[in-house]
Amino acid sequence: MPKTLTELGEHYLLDKHHDPAGICWSRYRSIINFNDDNRIFRSDDFETLRMAAVNGFGVGLLPNWVVSTDIRSEKLMPLFNDPDGRKEDIYLLRALVHLPAKLTVFMSLLHEWLTRII
């Protein structure tokens, strides 16, 4: 099991393919010292990367909201905190001045659920 980022170069990595938000191993390539692209599985789908990690295909860099249930059930284990120390918020955007009751209930339940899993 890797203890530092530099040791990740010896492991298969699960990585975002296109990553405008910078949530991928590629941004740490110089630290990891990874030279073998054949040992990186890339996908743009978090669920695909999560399932690959759960099934032992490699080490993923995934947001807490994607893997928190798997960590609690011990299907996955966290190795490192975000190397950049980022804490990202989750936003729900709406274009309505007055919220319908259904949306108010949905937002409340979503907030409650996210608070439990993160």
PDB file of N, CA and C in Angstrom:
ATOM      1  N   MET A   1       0.848  -1.172   0.000  1.00  0.00           N
ATOM      2  CA  MET A   1       0.000   0.000   0.000  1.00  0.00           C
ATOM      3  C   MET A   1       0.900   1.244   0.000  1.00  0.00           C
ATOM      4  N   PRO A   2       0.647   2.187  -0.913  1.00  0.00           N
ATOM      5  CA  PRO A   2       1.499   3.380  -0.977  1.00  0.00           C
ATOM      6  C   PRO A   2       1.338   4.248   0.262  1.00  0.00           C
ATOM      7  N   LYS A   3       2.445   4.755   0.743  1.00  0.00           N
ATOM      8  CA  LYS A   3       2.427   5.627   1.923  1.00  0.00           C
ATOM      9  C   LYS A   3       2.636   7.093   1.525  1.00  0.00           C
ATOM     10  N   THR A   4       3.218   7.312   0.345  1.00  0.00           N
ATOM     11  CA  THR A   4       3.457   8.677  -0.147  1.00  0.00           C
ATOM     12  C   THR A   4       3.019   8.764  -1.601  1.00  0.00           C
ATOM     13  N   LEU A   5       2.862   9.985  -2.084  1.00  0.00           N
ATOM     14  CA  LEU A   5       2.491  10.186  -3.487  1.00  0.00           C
ATOM     15  C   LEU A   5       3.545   9.620  -4.434  1.00  0.00           C
ATOM     16  N   THR A   6       4.805   9.709  -4.073  1.00  0.00           N
ATOM     17  CA  THR A   6       5.857   9.216  -4.962  1.00  0.00           C
ATOM     18  C   THR A   6       5.757   7.703  -5.172  1.00  0.00           C
ATOM     19  N   GLU A   7       5.226   6.971  -4.203  1.00  0.00           N
ATOM     20  CA  GLU A   7       5.071   5.522  -4.333  1.00  0.00           C
ATOM     21  C   GLU A   7       3.939   5.122  -5.276  1.00  0.00           C
ATOM     22  N   LEU A   8       3.089   6.067  -5.657  1.00  0.00           N
ATOM     23  CA  LEU A   8       1.981   5.748  -6.559  1.00  0.00           C
ATOM     24  C   LEU A   8       2.457   5.344  -7.950  1.00  0.00           C
ATOM     25  N   GLY A   9       3.656   5.734  -8.328  1.00  0.00           N
ATOM     26  CA  GLY A   9       4.196   5.368  -9.631  1.00  0.00           C
ATOM     27  C   GLY A   9       4.335   3.868  -9.823  1.00  0.00           C
ATOM     28  N   GLU A  10       4.296   3.118  -8.737  1.00  0.00           N
ATOM     29  CA  GLU A  10       4.413   1.659  -8.793  1.00  0.00           C
ATOM     30  C   GLU A  10       3.052   0.969  -8.861  1.00  0.00           C
ATOM     31  N   HIS A  11       1.971   1.732  -8.917  1.00  0.00           N
ATOM     32  CA  HIS A  11       0.617   1.183  -8.874  1.00  0.00           C
ATOM     33  C   HIS A  11      -0.162   1.538 -10.137  1.00  0.00           C
ATOM     34  N   TYR A  12      -1.216   0.773 -10.395  1.00  0.00           N
ATOM     35  CA  TYR A  12      -2.166   1.141 -11.436  1.00  0.00           C
ATOM     36  C   TYR A  12      -3.015   2.288 -10.916  1.00  0.00           C
ATOM     37  N   LEU A  13      -3.232   3.288 -11.771  1.00  0.00           N
ATOM     38  CA  LEU A  13      -3.994   4.453 -11.356  1.00  0.00           C
ATOM     39  C   LEU A  13      -5.300   4.553 -12.128  1.00  0.00           C
ATOM     40  N   LEU A  14      -6.326   5.036 -11.460  1.00  0.00           N
ATOM     41  CA  LEU A  14      -7.626   5.298 -12.059  1.00  0.00           C
ATOM     42  C   LEU A  14      -7.747   6.810 -12.142  1.00  0.00           C
ATOM     43  N   ASP A  15      -7.967   7.331 -13.343  1.00  0.00           N
ATOM     44  CA  ASP A  15      -7.843   8.765 -13.550  1.00  0.00           C
ATOM     45  C   ASP A  15      -8.982   9.324 -14.388  1.00  0.00           C
ATOM     46  N   LYS A  16      -9.317  10.583 -14.145  1.00  0.00           N
ATOM     47  CA  LYS A  16     -10.286  11.274 -15.001  1.00  0.00           C
ATOM     48  C   LYS A  16      -9.641  11.490 -16.366  1.00  0.00           C
ATOM     49  N   HIS A  17     -10.408  11.266 -17.428  1.00  0.00           N
ATOM     50  CA  HIS A  17      -9.874  11.439 -18.786  1.00  0.00           C
ATOM     51  C   HIS A  17      -9.794  12.919 -19.151  1.00  0.00           C
ATOM     52  N   HIS A  18     -10.896  13.604 -19.112  1.00  0.00           N
ATOM     53  CA  HIS A  18     -10.941  15.052 -19.329  1.00  0.00           C
ATOM     54  C   HIS A  18     -11.277  15.674 -17.987  1.00  0.00           C
ATOM     55  N   ASP A  19     -10.474  16.608 -17.549  1.00  0.00           N
ATOM     56  CA  ASP A  19     -10.633  17.081 -16.180  1.00  0.00           C
ATOM     57  C   ASP A  19     -10.447  18.586 -16.051  1.00  0.00           C
ATOM     58  N   PRO A  20     -11.462  19.367 -16.397  1.00  0.00           N
ATOM     59  CA  PRO A  20     -11.322  20.816 -16.279  1.00  0.00           C
ATOM     60  C   PRO A  20     -11.217  21.288 -14.824  1.00  0.00           C
ATOM     61  N   ALA A  21     -11.711  20.498 -13.864  1.00  0.00           N
ATOM     62  CA  ALA A  21     -11.682  20.901 -12.454  1.00  0.00           C
ATOM     63  C   ALA A  21     -10.373  20.513 -11.765  1.00  0.00           C
ATOM     64  N   GLY A  22      -9.509  19.755 -12.415  1.00  0.00           N
ATOM     65  CA  GLY A  22      -8.238  19.381 -11.809  1.00  0.00           C
ATOM     66  C   GLY A  22      -8.327  18.284 -10.772  1.00  0.00           C
ATOM     67  N   ILE A  23      -9.337  17.395 -10.915  1.00  0.00           N
ATOM     68  CA  ILE A  23      -9.470  16.273  -9.972  1.00  0.00           C
ATOM     69  C   ILE A  23      -8.896  15.035 -10.655  1.00  0.00           C
ATOM     70  N   CYS A  24      -7.589  15.002 -10.826  1.00  0.00           N
ATOM     71  CA  CYS A  24      -6.996  13.843 -11.494  1.00  0.00           C
ATOM     72  C   CYS A  24      -5.544  13.685 -11.073  1.00  0.00           C
ATOM     73  N   TRP A  25      -5.027  12.489 -11.312  1.00  0.00           N
ATOM     74  CA  TRP A  25      -3.629  12.204 -10.985  1.00  0.00           C
ATOM     75  C   TRP A  25      -2.679  12.983 -11.888  1.00  0.00           C
ATOM     76  N   SER A  26      -3.113  13.319 -13.082  1.00  0.00           N
ATOM     77  CA  SER A  26      -2.229  13.986 -14.042  1.00  0.00           C
ATOM     78  C   SER A  26      -1.606  15.253 -13.468  1.00  0.00           C
ATOM     79  N   ARG A  27      -2.334  15.958 -12.644  1.00  0.00           N
ATOM     80  CA  ARG A  27      -1.797  17.198 -12.080  1.00  0.00           C
ATOM     81  C   ARG A  27      -0.656  16.938 -11.098  1.00  0.00           C
ATOM     82  N   TYR A  28      -0.497  15.696 -10.635  1.00  0.00           N
ATOM     83  CA  TYR A  28       0.572  15.326  -9.703  1.00  0.00           C
ATOM     84  C   TYR A  28       1.647  14.469 -10.379  1.00  0.00           C
ATOM     85  N   ARG A  29       1.630  14.440 -11.692  1.00  0.00           N
ATOM     86  CA  ARG A  29       2.528  13.566 -12.472  1.00  0.00           C
ATOM     87  C   ARG A  29       3.999  13.753 -12.079  1.00  0.00           C
ATOM     88  N   SER A  30       4.430  14.980 -11.861  1.00  0.00           N
ATOM     89  CA  SER A  30       5.843  15.212 -11.517  1.00  0.00           C
ATOM     90  C   SER A  30       6.179  14.675 -10.122  1.00  0.00           C
ATOM     91  N   ILE A  31       5.215  14.694  -9.204  1.00  0.00           N
ATOM     92  CA  ILE A  31       5.442  14.161  -7.859  1.00  0.00           C
ATOM     93  C   ILE A  31       5.422  12.633  -7.888  1.00  0.00           C
ATOM     94  N   ILE A  32       4.453  12.077  -8.623  1.00  0.00           N
ATOM     95  CA  ILE A  32       4.287  10.628  -8.668  1.00  0.00           C
ATOM     96  C   ILE A  32       5.429   9.967  -9.426  1.00  0.00           C
ATOM     97  N   ASN A  33       6.034  10.690 -10.381  1.00  0.00           N
ATOM     98  CA  ASN A  33       7.096  10.136 -11.221  1.00  0.00           C
ATOM     99  C   ASN A  33       6.595   8.903 -11.966  1.00  0.00           C
ATOM    100  N   PHE A  34       5.489   9.086 -12.642  1.00  0.00           N
ATOM    101  CA  PHE A  34       4.823   7.993 -13.344  1.00  0.00           C
ATOM    102  C   PHE A  34       5.157   8.065 -14.819  1.00  0.00           C
ATOM    103  N   ASN A  35       5.718   7.003 -15.366  1.00  0.00           N
ATOM    104  CA  ASN A  35       6.159   7.017 -16.758  1.00  0.00           C
ATOM    105  C   ASN A  35       5.441   6.019 -17.649  1.00  0.00           C
ATOM    106  N   ASP A  36       4.596   5.170 -17.099  1.00  0.00           N
ATOM    107  CA  ASP A  36       3.967   4.109 -17.879  1.00  0.00           C
ATOM    108  C   ASP A  36       2.474   4.376 -18.051  1.00  0.00           C
ATOM    109  N   ASP A  37       2.091   4.980 -19.192  1.00  0.00           N
ATOM    110  CA  ASP A  37       0.680   5.292 -19.450  1.00  0.00           C
ATOM    111  C   ASP A  37      -0.177   4.032 -19.584  1.00  0.00           C
ATOM    112  N   ASN A  38       0.444   2.875 -19.783  1.00  0.00           N
ATOM    113  CA  ASN A  38      -0.332   1.629 -19.862  1.00  0.00           C
ATOM    114  C   ASN A  38      -0.875   1.207 -18.504  1.00  0.00           C
ATOM    115  N   ARG A  39      -0.409   1.860 -17.446  1.00  0.00           N
ATOM    116  CA  ARG A  39      -0.876   1.513 -16.097  1.00  0.00           C
ATOM    117  C   ARG A  39      -1.868   2.539 -15.567  1.00  0.00           C
ATOM    118  N   ILE A  40      -2.473   3.324 -16.477  1.00  0.00           N
ATOM    119  CA  ILE A  40      -3.490   4.298 -16.090  1.00  0.00           C
ATOM    120  C   ILE A  40      -4.785   3.963 -16.816  1.00  0.00           C
ATOM    121  N   PHE A  41      -5.864   3.784 -16.063  1.00  0.00           N
ATOM    122  CA  PHE A  41      -7.194   3.607 -16.645  1.00  0.00           C
ATOM    123  C   PHE A  41      -7.901   4.946 -16.536  1.00  0.00           C
ATOM    124  N   ARG A  42      -8.358   5.473 -17.684  1.00  0.00           N
ATOM    125  CA  ARG A  42      -9.008   6.782 -17.695  1.00  0.00           C
ATOM    126  C   ARG A  42     -10.469   6.665 -18.098  1.00  0.00           C
ATOM    127  N   SER A  43     -11.300   7.433 -17.411  1.00  0.00           N
ATOM    128  CA  SER A  43     -12.722   7.519 -17.735  1.00  0.00           C
ATOM    129  C   SER A  43     -13.213   8.893 -17.291  1.00  0.00           C
ATOM    130  N   ASP A  44     -14.233   9.398 -17.973  1.00  0.00           N
ATOM    131  CA  ASP A  44     -14.846  10.655 -17.558  1.00  0.00           C
ATOM    132  C   ASP A  44     -15.998  10.426 -16.593  1.00  0.00           C
ATOM    133  N   ASP A  45     -16.295   9.185 -16.275  1.00  0.00           N
ATOM    134  CA  ASP A  45     -17.441   8.842 -15.449  1.00  0.00           C
ATOM    135  C   ASP A  45     -16.989   8.442 -14.051  1.00  0.00           C
ATOM    136  N   PHE A  46     -17.403   9.211 -13.031  1.00  0.00           N
ATOM    137  CA  PHE A  46     -17.010   8.897 -11.657  1.00  0.00           C
ATOM    138  C   PHE A  46     -17.487   7.514 -11.226  1.00  0.00           C
ATOM    139  N   GLU A  47     -18.674   7.110 -11.659  1.00  0.00           N
ATOM    140  CA  GLU A  47     -19.193   5.790 -11.252  1.00  0.00           C
ATOM    141  C   GLU A  47     -18.312   4.672 -11.805  1.00  0.00           C
ATOM    142  N   THR A  48     -17.844   4.820 -13.029  1.00  0.00           N
ATOM    143  CA  THR A  48     -16.938   3.828 -13.619  1.00  0.00           C
ATOM    144  C   THR A  48     -15.635   3.757 -12.832  1.00  0.00           C
ATOM    145  N   LEU A  49     -15.078   4.914 -12.490  1.00  0.00           N
ATOM    146  CA  LEU A  49     -13.842   4.938 -11.720  1.00  0.00           C
ATOM    147  C   LEU A  49     -14.052   4.366 -10.315  1.00  0.00           C
ATOM    148  N   ARG A  50     -15.199   4.667  -9.710  1.00  0.00           N
ATOM    149  CA  ARG A  50     -15.512   4.127  -8.388  1.00  0.00           C
ATOM    150  C   ARG A  50     -15.595   2.606  -8.429  1.00  0.00           C
ATOM    151  N   MET A  51     -16.304   2.077  -9.429  1.00  0.00           N
ATOM    152  CA  MET A  51     -16.450   0.622  -9.537  1.00  0.00           C
ATOM    153  C   MET A  51     -15.100  -0.050  -9.824  1.00  0.00           C
ATOM    154  N   ALA A  52     -14.267   0.601 -10.622  1.00  0.00           N
ATOM    155  CA  ALA A  52     -12.935   0.048 -10.875  1.00  0.00           C
ATOM    156  C   ALA A  52     -12.132  -0.017  -9.575  1.00  0.00           C
ATOM    157  N   ALA A  53     -12.231   1.017  -8.743  1.00  0.00           N
ATOM    158  CA  ALA A  53     -11.520   1.014  -7.460  1.00  0.00           C
ATOM    159  C   ALA A  53     -12.074  -0.068  -6.537  1.00  0.00           C
ATOM    160  N   VAL A  54     -13.393  -0.160  -6.440  1.00  0.00           N
ATOM    161  CA  VAL A  54     -14.027  -1.167  -5.575  1.00  0.00           C
ATOM    162  C   VAL A  54     -13.612  -2.575  -5.994  1.00  0.00           C
ATOM    163  N   ASN A  55     -13.437  -2.786  -7.297  1.00  0.00           N
ATOM    164  CA  ASN A  55     -13.074  -4.104  -7.804  1.00  0.00           C
ATOM    165  C   ASN A  55     -11.568  -4.326  -7.890  1.00  0.00           C
ATOM    166  N   GLY A  56     -10.792  -3.407  -7.319  1.00  0.00           N
ATOM    167  CA  GLY A  56      -9.357  -3.628  -7.184  1.00  0.00           C
ATOM    168  C   GLY A  56      -8.524  -3.363  -8.420  1.00  0.00           C
ATOM    169  N   PHE A  57      -9.014  -2.549  -9.345  1.00  0.00           N
ATOM    170  CA  PHE A  57      -8.258  -2.288 -10.567  1.00  0.00           C
ATOM    171  C   PHE A  57      -7.172  -1.240 -10.405  1.00  0.00           C
ATOM    172  N   GLY A  58      -7.195  -0.470  -9.322  1.00  0.00           N
ATOM    173  CA  GLY A  58      -6.163   0.537  -9.142  1.00  0.00           C
ATOM    174  C   GLY A  58      -6.514   1.537  -8.062  1.00  0.00           C
ATOM    175  N   VAL A  59      -5.667   2.558  -7.955  1.00  0.00           N
ATOM    176  CA  VAL A  59      -5.823   3.612  -6.959  1.00  0.00           C
ATOM    177  C   VAL A  59      -6.477   4.807  -7.637  1.00  0.00           C
ATOM    178  N   GLY A  60      -7.595   5.253  -7.088  1.00  0.00           N
ATOM    179  CA  GLY A  60      -8.320   6.375  -7.671  1.00  0.00           C
ATOM    180  C   GLY A  60      -8.202   7.630  -6.837  1.00  0.00           C
ATOM    181  N   LEU A  61      -8.312   8.760  -7.502  1.00  0.00           N
ATOM    182  CA  LEU A  61      -8.400  10.060  -6.842  1.00  0.00           C
ATOM    183  C   LEU A  61      -9.819  10.546  -7.085  1.00  0.00           C
ATOM    184  N   LEU A  62     -10.691  10.283  -6.118  1.00  0.00           N
ATOM    185  CA  LEU A  62     -12.123  10.526  -6.298  1.00  0.00           C
ATOM    186  C   LEU A  62     -12.672  11.393  -5.174  1.00  0.00           C
ATOM    187  N   PRO A  63     -13.677  12.216  -5.484  1.00  0.00           N
ATOM    188  CA  PRO A  63     -14.284  13.059  -4.445  1.00  0.00           C
ATOM    189  C   PRO A  63     -14.976  12.226  -3.370  1.00  0.00           C
ATOM    190  N   ASN A  64     -15.043  12.784  -2.176  1.00  0.00           N
ATOM    191  CA  ASN A  64     -15.705  12.096  -1.056  1.00  0.00           C
ATOM    192  C   ASN A  64     -17.139  11.716  -1.384  1.00  0.00           C
ATOM    193  N   TRP A  65     -17.869  12.589  -2.079  1.00  0.00           N
ATOM    194  CA  TRP A  65     -19.275  12.298  -2.352  1.00  0.00           C
ATOM    195  C   TRP A  65     -19.436  11.111  -3.282  1.00  0.00           C
ATOM    196  N   VAL A  66     -18.382  10.722  -3.975  1.00  0.00           N
ATOM    197  CA  VAL A  66     -18.438   9.552  -4.857  1.00  0.00           C
ATOM    198  C   VAL A  66     -18.155   8.276  -4.072  1.00  0.00           C
ATOM    199  N   VAL A  67     -17.237   8.315  -3.130  1.00  0.00           N
ATOM    200  CA  VAL A  67     -16.757   7.091  -2.472  1.00  0.00           C
ATOM    201  C   VAL A  67     -17.067   6.975  -0.984  1.00  0.00           C
ATOM    202  N   SER A  68     -17.727   7.950  -0.391  1.00  0.00           N
ATOM    203  CA  SER A  68     -17.919   7.924   1.063  1.00  0.00           C
ATOM    204  C   SER A  68     -18.666   6.681   1.545  1.00  0.00           C
ATOM    205  N   THR A  69     -19.675   6.237   0.809  1.00  0.00           N
ATOM    206  CA  THR A  69     -20.409   5.029   1.203  1.00  0.00           C
ATOM    207  C   THR A  69     -19.498   3.813   1.157  1.00  0.00           C
ATOM    208  N   ASP A  70     -18.642   3.728   0.134  1.00  0.00           N
ATOM    209  CA  ASP A  70     -17.710   2.594   0.014  1.00  0.00           C
ATOM    210  C   ASP A  70     -16.645   2.626   1.100  1.00  0.00           C
ATOM    211  N   ILE A  71     -16.249   3.813   1.521  1.00  0.00           N
ATOM    212  CA  ILE A  71     -15.269   3.915   2.600  1.00  0.00           C
ATOM    213  C   ILE A  71     -15.904   3.471   3.916  1.00  0.00           C
ATOM    214  N   ARG A  72     -17.134   3.929   4.174  1.00  0.00           N
ATOM    215  CA  ARG A  72     -17.816   3.518   5.416  1.00  0.00           C
ATOM    216  C   ARG A  72     -18.064   2.017   5.460  1.00  0.00           C
ATOM    217  N   SER A  73     -18.368   1.415   4.308  1.00  0.00           N
ATOM    218  CA  SER A  73     -18.613  -0.031   4.289  1.00  0.00           C
ATOM    219  C   SER A  73     -17.309  -0.829   4.147  1.00  0.00           C
ATOM    220  N   GLU A  74     -16.181  -0.122   4.126  1.00  0.00           N
ATOM    221  CA  GLU A  74     -14.837  -0.704   4.039  1.00  0.00           C
ATOM    222  C   GLU A  74     -14.569  -1.442   2.727  1.00  0.00           C
ATOM    223  N   LYS A  75     -15.319  -1.102   1.684  1.00  0.00           N
ATOM    224  CA  LYS A  75     -14.993  -1.607   0.348  1.00  0.00           C
ATOM    225  C   LYS A  75     -13.777  -0.866  -0.198  1.00  0.00           C
ATOM    226  N   LEU A  76     -13.615   0.383   0.229  1.00  0.00           N
ATOM    227  CA  LEU A  76     -12.455   1.201  -0.140  1.00  0.00           C
ATOM    228  C   LEU A  76     -11.849   1.784   1.124  1.00  0.00           C
ATOM    229  N   MET A  77     -10.582   2.137   1.029  1.00  0.00           N
ATOM    230  CA  MET A  77      -9.946   2.811   2.156  1.00  0.00           C
ATOM    231  C   MET A  77      -9.220   4.050   1.648  1.00  0.00           C
ATOM    232  N   PRO A  78      -9.336   5.138   2.395  1.00  0.00           N
ATOM    233  CA  PRO A  78      -8.628   6.356   1.980  1.00  0.00           C
ATOM    234  C   PRO A  78      -7.131   6.198   2.207  1.00  0.00           C
ATOM    235  N   LEU A  79      -6.347   6.693   1.246  1.00  0.00           N
ATOM    236  CA  LEU A  79      -4.890   6.636   1.385  1.00  0.00           C
ATOM    237  C   LEU A  79      -4.313   7.979   1.793  1.00  0.00           C
ATOM    238  N   PHE A  80      -4.763   9.049   1.126  1.00  0.00           N
ATOM    239  CA  PHE A  80      -4.245  10.393   1.381  1.00  0.00           C
ATOM    240  C   PHE A  80      -5.412  11.374   1.378  1.00  0.00           C
ATOM    241  N   ASN A  81      -5.241  12.479   2.066  1.00  0.00           N
ATOM    242  CA  ASN A  81      -6.149  13.589   1.873  1.00  0.00           C
ATOM    243  C   ASN A  81      -5.765  14.263   0.566  1.00  0.00           C
ATOM    244  N   ASP A  82      -6.590  15.161   0.082  1.00  0.00           N
ATOM    245  CA  ASP A  82      -6.279  15.887  -1.141  1.00  0.00           C
ATOM    246  C   ASP A  82      -4.903  16.532  -0.987  1.00  0.00           C
ATOM    247  N   PRO A  83      -3.955  16.209  -1.879  1.00  0.00           N
ATOM    248  CA  PRO A  83      -2.612  16.780  -1.754  1.00  0.00           C
ATOM    249  C   PRO A  83      -2.602  18.309  -1.747  1.00  0.00           C
ATOM    250  N   ASP A  84      -3.626  18.930  -2.359  1.00  0.00           N
ATOM    251  CA  ASP A  84      -3.700  20.392  -2.385  1.00  0.00           C
ATOM    252  C   ASP A  84      -4.500  20.952  -1.218  1.00  0.00           C
ATOM    253  N   GLY A  85      -5.075  20.075  -0.390  1.00  0.00           N
ATOM    254  CA  GLY A  85      -5.850  20.520   0.755  1.00  0.00           C
ATOM    255  C   GLY A  85      -7.151  21.217   0.400  1.00  0.00           C
ATOM    256  N   ARG A  86      -7.693  20.929  -0.772  1.00  0.00           N
ATOM    257  CA  ARG A  86      -8.927  21.594  -1.201  1.00  0.00           C
ATOM    258  C   ARG A  86     -10.133  21.026  -0.462  1.00  0.00           C
ATOM    259  N   LYS A  87     -11.061  21.869  -0.190  1.00  0.00           N
ATOM    260  CA  LYS A  87     -12.376  21.485   0.335  1.00  0.00           C
ATOM    261  C   LYS A  87     -13.384  22.132  -0.610  1.00  0.00           C
ATOM    262  N   GLU A  88     -13.991  21.333  -1.461  1.00  0.00           N
ATOM    263  CA  GLU A  88     -14.916  21.850  -2.461  1.00  0.00           C
ATOM    264  C   GLU A  88     -16.346  21.797  -1.940  1.00  0.00           C
ATOM    265  N   ASP A  89     -17.116  22.822  -2.225  1.00  0.00           N
ATOM    266  CA  ASP A  89     -18.527  22.842  -1.873  1.00  0.00           C
ATOM    267  C   ASP A  89     -19.349  22.244  -3.006  1.00  0.00           C
ATOM    268  N   ILE A  90     -20.549  21.816  -2.680  1.00  0.00           N
ATOM    269  CA  ILE A  90     -21.508  21.318  -3.671  1.00  0.00           C
ATOM    270  C   ILE A  90     -22.648  22.312  -3.720  1.00  0.00           C
ATOM    271  N   TYR A  91     -23.023  22.723  -4.920  1.00  0.00           N
ATOM    272  CA  TYR A  91     -24.063  23.725  -5.086  1.00  0.00           C
ATOM    273  C   TYR A  91     -25.241  23.171  -5.868  1.00  0.00           C
ATOM    274  N   LEU A  92     -26.417  23.610  -5.497  1.00  0.00           N
ATOM    275  CA  LEU A  92     -27.633  23.323  -6.249  1.00  0.00           C
ATOM    276  C   LEU A  92     -28.122  24.658  -6.781  1.00  0.00           C
ATOM    277  N   LEU A  93     -28.140  24.798  -8.092  1.00  0.00           N
ATOM    278  CA  LEU A  93     -28.550  26.059  -8.700  1.00  0.00           C
ATOM    279  C   LEU A  93     -30.006  25.981  -9.122  1.00  0.00           C
ATOM    280  N   ARG A  94     -30.707  27.065  -8.938  1.00  0.00           N
ATOM    281  CA  ARG A  94     -32.098  27.138  -9.359  1.00  0.00           C
ATOM    282  C   ARG A  94     -32.336  28.519  -9.954  1.00  0.00           C
ATOM    283  N   ALA A  95     -33.250  28.599 -10.907  1.00  0.00           N
ATOM    284  CA  ALA A  95     -33.531  29.860 -11.588  1.00  0.00           C
ATOM    285  C   ALA A  95     -34.903  30.398 -11.212  1.00  0.00           C
ATOM    286  N   LEU A  96     -35.394  30.039 -10.056  1.00  0.00           N
ATOM    287  CA  LEU A  96     -36.733  30.455  -9.637  1.00  0.00           C
ATOM    288  C   LEU A  96     -36.652  31.390  -8.432  1.00  0.00           C
ATOM    289  N   VAL A  97     -37.463  32.424  -8.450  1.00  0.00           N
ATOM    290  CA  VAL A  97     -37.513  33.324  -7.303  1.00  0.00           C
ATOM    291  C   VAL A  97     -38.229  32.649  -6.139  1.00  0.00           C
ATOM    292  N   HIS A  98     -39.376  32.027  -6.428  1.00  0.00           N
ATOM    293  CA  HIS A  98     -40.156  31.333  -5.407  1.00  0.00           C
ATOM    294  C   HIS A  98     -40.094  29.832  -5.680  1.00  0.00           C
ATOM    295  N   LEU A  99     -39.584  29.105  -4.718  1.00  0.00           N
ATOM    296  CA  LEU A  99     -39.396  27.668  -4.906  1.00  0.00           C
ATOM    297  C   LEU A  99     -40.707  26.906  -4.733  1.00  0.00           C
ATOM    298  N   PRO A 100     -40.981  25.955  -5.632  1.00  0.00           N
ATOM    299  CA  PRO A 100     -42.117  25.063  -5.417  1.00  0.00           C
ATOM    300  C   PRO A 100     -41.850  24.184  -4.190  1.00  0.00           C
ATOM    301  N   ALA A 101     -42.904  23.740  -3.541  1.00  0.00           N
ATOM    302  CA  ALA A 101     -42.773  22.919  -2.331  1.00  0.00           C
ATOM    303  C   ALA A 101     -41.952  21.662  -2.596  1.00  0.00           C
ATOM    304  N   LYS A 102     -42.147  21.037  -3.759  1.00  0.00           N
ATOM    305  CA  LYS A 102     -41.390  19.809  -4.075  1.00  0.00           C
ATOM    306  C   LYS A 102     -39.890  20.077  -4.103  1.00  0.00           C
ATOM    307  N   LEU A 103     -39.494  21.213  -4.666  1.00  0.00           N
ATOM    308  CA  LEU A 103     -38.076  21.541  -4.746  1.00  0.00           C
ATOM    309  C   LEU A 103     -37.515  21.851  -3.359  1.00  0.00           C
ATOM    310  N   THR A 104     -38.294  22.512  -2.537  1.00  0.00           N
ATOM    311  CA  THR A 104     -37.865  22.803  -1.167  1.00  0.00           C
ATOM    312  C   THR A 104     -37.630  21.510  -0.389  1.00  0.00           C
ATOM    313  N   VAL A 105     -38.535  20.557  -0.520  1.00  0.00           N
ATOM    314  CA  VAL A 105     -38.384  19.265   0.157  1.00  0.00           C
ATOM    315  C   VAL A 105     -37.169  18.523  -0.404  1.00  0.00           C
ATOM    316  N   PHE A 106     -37.015  18.519  -1.731  1.00  0.00           N
ATOM    317  CA  PHE A 106     -35.867  17.855  -2.354  1.00  0.00           C
ATOM    318  C   PHE A 106     -34.561  18.446  -1.851  1.00  0.00           C
ATOM    319  N   MET A 107     -34.447  19.774  -1.821  1.00  0.00           N
ATOM    320  CA  MET A 107     -33.216  20.413  -1.360  1.00  0.00           C
ATOM    321  C   MET A 107     -32.922  20.066   0.094  1.00  0.00           C
ATOM    322  N   SER A 108     -33.946  20.025   0.906  1.00  0.00           N
ATOM    323  CA  SER A 108     -33.768  19.676   2.317  1.00  0.00           C
ATOM    324  C   SER A 108     -33.271  18.242   2.469  1.00  0.00           C
ATOM    325  N   LEU A 109     -33.889  17.315   1.743  1.00  0.00           N
ATOM    326  CA  LEU A 109     -33.470  15.910   1.814  1.00  0.00           C
ATOM    327  C   LEU A 109     -32.072  15.711   1.241  1.00  0.00           C
ATOM    328  N   LEU A 110     -31.760  16.412   0.154  1.00  0.00           N
ATOM    329  CA  LEU A 110     -30.428  16.321  -0.438  1.00  0.00           C
ATOM    330  C   LEU A 110     -29.378  16.822   0.544  1.00  0.00           C
ATOM    331  N   HIS A 111     -29.639  17.941   1.178  1.00  0.00           N
ATOM    332  CA  HIS A 111     -28.707  18.483   2.169  1.00  0.00           C
ATOM    333  C   HIS A 111     -28.500  17.495   3.315  1.00  0.00           C
ATOM    334  N   GLU A 112     -29.592  16.926   3.811  1.00  0.00           N
ATOM    335  CA  GLU A 112     -29.516  15.953   4.897  1.00  0.00           C
ATOM    336  C   GLU A 112     -28.688  14.739   4.483  1.00  0.00           C
ATOM    337  N   TRP A 113     -28.935  14.228   3.286  1.00  0.00           N
ATOM    338  CA  TRP A 113     -28.218  13.052   2.792  1.00  0.00           C
ATOM    339  C   TRP A 113     -26.730  13.365   2.614  1.00  0.00           C
ATOM    340  N   LEU A 114     -26.409  14.495   1.994  1.00  0.00           N
ATOM    341  CA  LEU A 114     -25.007  14.846   1.772  1.00  0.00           C
ATOM    342  C   LEU A 114     -24.286  15.077   3.096  1.00  0.00           C
ATOM    343  N   THR A 115     -24.956  15.641   4.056  1.00  0.00           N
ATOM    344  CA  THR A 115     -24.346  15.852   5.378  1.00  0.00           C
ATOM    345  C   THR A 115     -23.985  14.517   6.026  1.00  0.00           C
ATOM    346  N   ARG A 116     -24.821  13.508   5.815  1.00  0.00           N
ATOM    347  CA  ARG A 116     -24.550  12.179   6.396  1.00  0.00           C
ATOM    348  C   ARG A 116     -23.393  11.474   5.693  1.00  0.00           C
ATOM    349  N   ILE A 117     -23.284  11.596   4.372  1.00  0.00           N
ATOM    350  CA  ILE A 117     -22.294  10.790   3.657  1.00  0.00           C
ATOM    351  C   ILE A 117     -20.938  11.458   3.541  1.00  0.00           C
ATOM    352  N   ILE A 118     -20.876  12.751   3.699  1.00  0.00           N
ATOM    353  CA  ILE A 118     -19.583  13.435   3.483  1.00  0.00           C
ATOM    354  C   ILE A 118     -18.876  13.653   4.784  1.00  0.00           C
TER     355      ILE A 118
END
